[in-house]
Amino acid sequence: MIRHSLFAALLIASPATAQTFQSTTQLDEAVVQFTGASIGMDGGAQMPVDPRLKLARCAMPQFGWLSDRQDAVVISCMGPAWKVYVPVRRMTRTVPERAVPTPIAAAPVKAEPVIRRGDPIMVEAGAPGFSITRDGVAMGDAPVGGRLMVKVDPAKPPIQAVALESGRAALPGFGR
């Protein structure tokens, strides 16, 4: 009789200790509902949440996308604070059996730099009614419209500029 009551007490105590941690199975089910796809399927979780995780029980886990690419679901809890990232399987494109071959685009041609490292350049900024210029030395190469770092004062860090033409650059936002 004592043995049966001890066994019953252990059974009753077991669910209570199991309830102190968040169920990863419940999190998996919620991720399936959030993504609309089953685990391992395109658009669904790549794999189940690791059942070895011992997350504190959360009354209201929140779900969201890690980024606009929707490549991971973020499950978070405000109190107690924890966060889990669940990778999502990317959608694979299926190619029809009789696909029409598409021409391969030529690789973009890299623009030739108009400013080279070490070139003396004039950095300018201005708006209607005023302009300011400063001499500097290019710290890198840049084509027209490309950004580069320019050393204008040996005692200060370099500034960023946009190449306009050979020997001329402008502060970002002040180009013509």
Protein backbone atom coordinates (compact mmCIF):
# COMPACT_ATOMS: atom_id res chain seq x y z
CA MET A 1 0.00 0.00 0.00
CA ILE A 2 2.81 2.41 0.89
CA ARG A 3 4.57 1.42 -2.30
CA HIS A 4 1.47 2.31 -4.42
CA SER A 5 0.98 5.66 -2.72
CA LEU A 6 4.69 6.47 -3.21
CA PHE A 7 4.38 5.58 -6.92
CA ALA A 8 1.22 7.73 -7.21
CA ALA A 9 2.99 10.61 -5.50
CA LEU A 10 5.88 10.32 -7.98
CA LEU A 11 3.44 10.35 -10.91
CA ILE A 12 1.69 13.42 -9.55
CA ALA A 13 5.01 15.18 -8.85
CA SER A 14 6.46 14.42 -12.30
CA PRO A 15 4.06 16.57 -14.34
CA ALA A 16 4.60 19.46 -11.92
CA THR A 17 8.35 19.43 -12.48
CA ALA A 18 7.85 19.00 -16.22
CA GLN A 19 5.56 22.05 -16.20
CA THR A 20 8.32 24.32 -14.86
CA PHE A 21 9.87 24.34 -18.35
CA GLN A 22 8.33 25.50 -21.62
CA SER A 23 7.20 22.62 -23.83
CA THR A 24 9.28 22.57 -27.02
CA THR A 25 6.55 20.47 -28.64
CA GLN A 26 4.07 23.30 -28.05
CA LEU A 27 6.58 25.77 -29.52
CA ASP A 28 6.93 23.54 -32.61
CA GLU A 29 3.15 23.47 -33.05
CA ALA A 30 2.97 27.25 -32.70
CA VAL A 31 5.76 27.72 -35.29
CA VAL A 32 3.79 25.51 -37.72
CA GLN A 33 0.73 27.73 -37.17
CA PHE A 34 2.81 30.91 -37.53
CA THR A 35 4.57 29.88 -40.77
CA GLY A 36 1.67 27.93 -42.24
CA ALA A 37 3.98 25.02 -43.13
CA SER A 38 5.02 21.83 -41.38
CA ILE A 39 8.49 21.17 -40.04
CA GLY A 40 10.87 20.24 -42.86
CA MET A 41 8.56 21.58 -45.57
CA ASP A 42 9.26 24.66 -47.71
CA GLY A 43 8.40 27.73 -45.66
CA GLY A 44 8.34 25.76 -42.39
CA ALA A 45 10.91 25.22 -39.67
CA GLN A 46 14.01 23.36 -40.82
CA MET A 47 13.86 21.15 -37.72
CA PRO A 48 12.01 21.00 -34.39
CA VAL A 49 13.03 23.23 -31.50
CA ASP A 50 15.78 21.42 -29.59
CA PRO A 51 14.00 19.43 -26.86
CA ARG A 52 17.12 19.70 -24.65
CA LEU A 53 16.36 23.39 -24.11
CA LYS A 54 15.19 24.11 -20.59
CA LEU A 55 13.32 27.36 -21.13
CA ALA A 56 11.38 28.89 -18.27
CA ARG A 57 7.65 28.49 -18.77
CA CYS A 58 6.14 31.44 -20.63
CA ALA A 59 2.48 32.37 -20.39
CA MET A 60 2.46 34.24 -23.71
CA PRO A 61 5.33 33.51 -26.14
CA GLN A 62 5.54 35.98 -29.02
CA PHE A 63 6.36 35.03 -32.61
CA GLY A 64 7.85 37.16 -35.35
CA TRP A 65 10.14 37.05 -38.36
CA LEU A 66 13.84 37.72 -37.81
CA SER A 67 14.00 39.76 -41.05
CA ASP A 68 12.03 40.58 -44.18
CA ARG A 69 13.60 37.54 -45.85
CA GLN A 70 11.54 35.34 -43.50
CA ASP A 71 14.44 32.95 -43.02
CA ALA A 72 13.97 32.49 -39.27
CA VAL A 73 11.19 32.74 -36.70
CA VAL A 74 11.98 34.48 -33.42
CA ILE A 75 10.14 33.13 -30.40
CA SER A 76 10.49 35.41 -27.40
CA CYS A 77 9.17 35.67 -23.90
CA MET A 78 9.06 38.94 -21.99
CA GLY A 79 8.93 37.43 -18.53
CA PRO A 80 10.92 35.40 -17.82
CA ALA A 81 13.10 36.81 -20.59
CA TRP A 82 14.33 34.36 -23.24
CA LYS A 83 14.54 34.20 -27.02
CA VAL A 84 14.82 31.28 -29.47
CA TYR A 85 15.60 31.48 -33.19
CA VAL A 86 14.07 28.80 -35.42
CA PRO A 87 15.58 28.58 -38.94
CA VAL A 88 13.00 28.34 -41.71
CA ARG A 89 13.48 26.20 -44.80
CA ARG A 90 13.69 28.42 -47.84
CA MET A 91 11.22 27.94 -50.62
CA THR A 92 12.80 25.98 -53.44
CA ARG A 93 11.87 26.93 -56.95
CA THR A 94 10.66 24.14 -59.12
CA VAL A 95 11.71 24.30 -62.75
CA PRO A 96 9.17 23.03 -65.25
CA GLU A 97 10.34 20.02 -67.23
CA ARG A 98 10.22 21.88 -70.55
CA ALA A 99 11.54 25.19 -69.40
CA VAL A 100 12.61 27.60 -72.09
CA PRO A 101 16.29 28.40 -71.57
CA THR A 102 16.88 31.99 -70.60
CA PRO A 103 19.89 33.83 -71.91
CA ILE A 104 22.62 34.32 -69.37
CA ALA A 105 23.20 37.99 -68.68
CA ALA A 106 26.70 39.28 -69.15
CA ALA A 107 28.58 40.06 -65.98
CA PRO A 108 28.35 43.72 -65.08
CA VAL A 109 31.36 45.71 -66.19
CA LYS A 110 33.26 47.15 -63.28
CA ALA A 111 33.49 50.93 -63.64
CA GLU A 112 36.97 52.34 -64.02
CA PRO A 113 38.07 54.43 -61.05
CA VAL A 114 38.33 58.18 -61.65
CA ILE A 115 40.00 58.69 -58.26
CA ARG A 116 42.86 56.48 -57.13
CA ARG A 117 44.44 55.95 -53.73
CA GLY A 118 46.90 58.74 -52.95
CA ASP A 119 45.41 61.21 -55.44
CA PRO A 120 45.06 64.79 -54.20
CA ILE A 121 41.36 65.70 -54.41
CA MET A 122 39.04 68.56 -53.56
CA VAL A 123 36.05 67.62 -51.39
CA GLU A 124 33.07 69.92 -51.70
CA ALA A 125 29.71 70.43 -50.06
CA GLY A 126 27.09 73.03 -50.73
CA ALA A 127 23.56 74.06 -51.47
CA PRO A 128 22.03 76.93 -53.43
CA GLY A 129 23.69 80.07 -52.15
CA PHE A 130 26.81 78.57 -50.56
CA SER A 131 29.58 76.07 -51.10
CA ILE A 132 32.61 74.92 -49.15
CA THR A 133 35.66 72.99 -50.31
CA ARG A 134 38.53 71.21 -48.58
CA ASP A 135 41.67 69.63 -49.99
CA GLY A 136 42.37 66.02 -49.11
CA VAL A 137 44.07 62.80 -50.13
CA ALA A 138 42.13 59.76 -51.43
CA MET A 139 42.53 56.69 -49.22
CA GLY A 140 41.10 54.34 -51.86
CA ASP A 141 39.95 53.98 -55.46
CA ALA A 142 36.45 55.02 -56.60
CA PRO A 143 34.53 55.24 -59.89
CA VAL A 144 32.08 58.09 -60.56
CA GLY A 145 29.37 57.82 -57.89
CA GLY A 146 31.48 55.47 -55.77
CA ARG A 147 32.28 56.15 -52.15
CA LEU A 148 35.77 56.51 -50.75
CA MET A 149 37.52 57.68 -47.61
CA VAL A 150 39.42 60.97 -47.78
CA LYS A 151 42.08 62.18 -45.34
CA VAL A 152 41.58 65.95 -44.89
CA ASP A 153 43.42 66.46 -41.59
CA PRO A 154 46.33 64.33 -40.36
CA ALA A 155 45.14 64.68 -36.75
CA LYS A 156 41.55 63.57 -37.45
CA PRO A 157 39.94 60.42 -38.87
CA PRO A 158 39.17 60.33 -42.62
CA ILE A 159 35.79 61.42 -43.97
CA GLN A 160 33.59 59.66 -46.49
CA ALA A 161 33.02 61.24 -49.90
CA VAL A 162 31.42 60.41 -53.26
CA ALA A 163 33.60 60.59 -56.40
CA LEU A 164 32.33 63.15 -58.93
CA GLU A 165 35.20 63.21 -61.44
CA SER A 166 38.97 63.00 -61.44
CA GLY A 167 40.26 65.13 -58.55
CA ARG A 168 36.75 66.04 -57.24
CA ALA A 169 34.49 64.48 -54.65
CA ALA A 170 31.51 65.62 -52.60
CA LEU A 171 30.23 64.84 -49.14
CA PRO A 172 27.35 62.33 -49.31
CA GLY A 173 24.09 64.19 -49.85
CA PHE A 174 25.81 67.23 -51.39
CA GLY A 175 26.67 65.89 -54.87
CA ARG A 176 25.35 67.55 -58.01
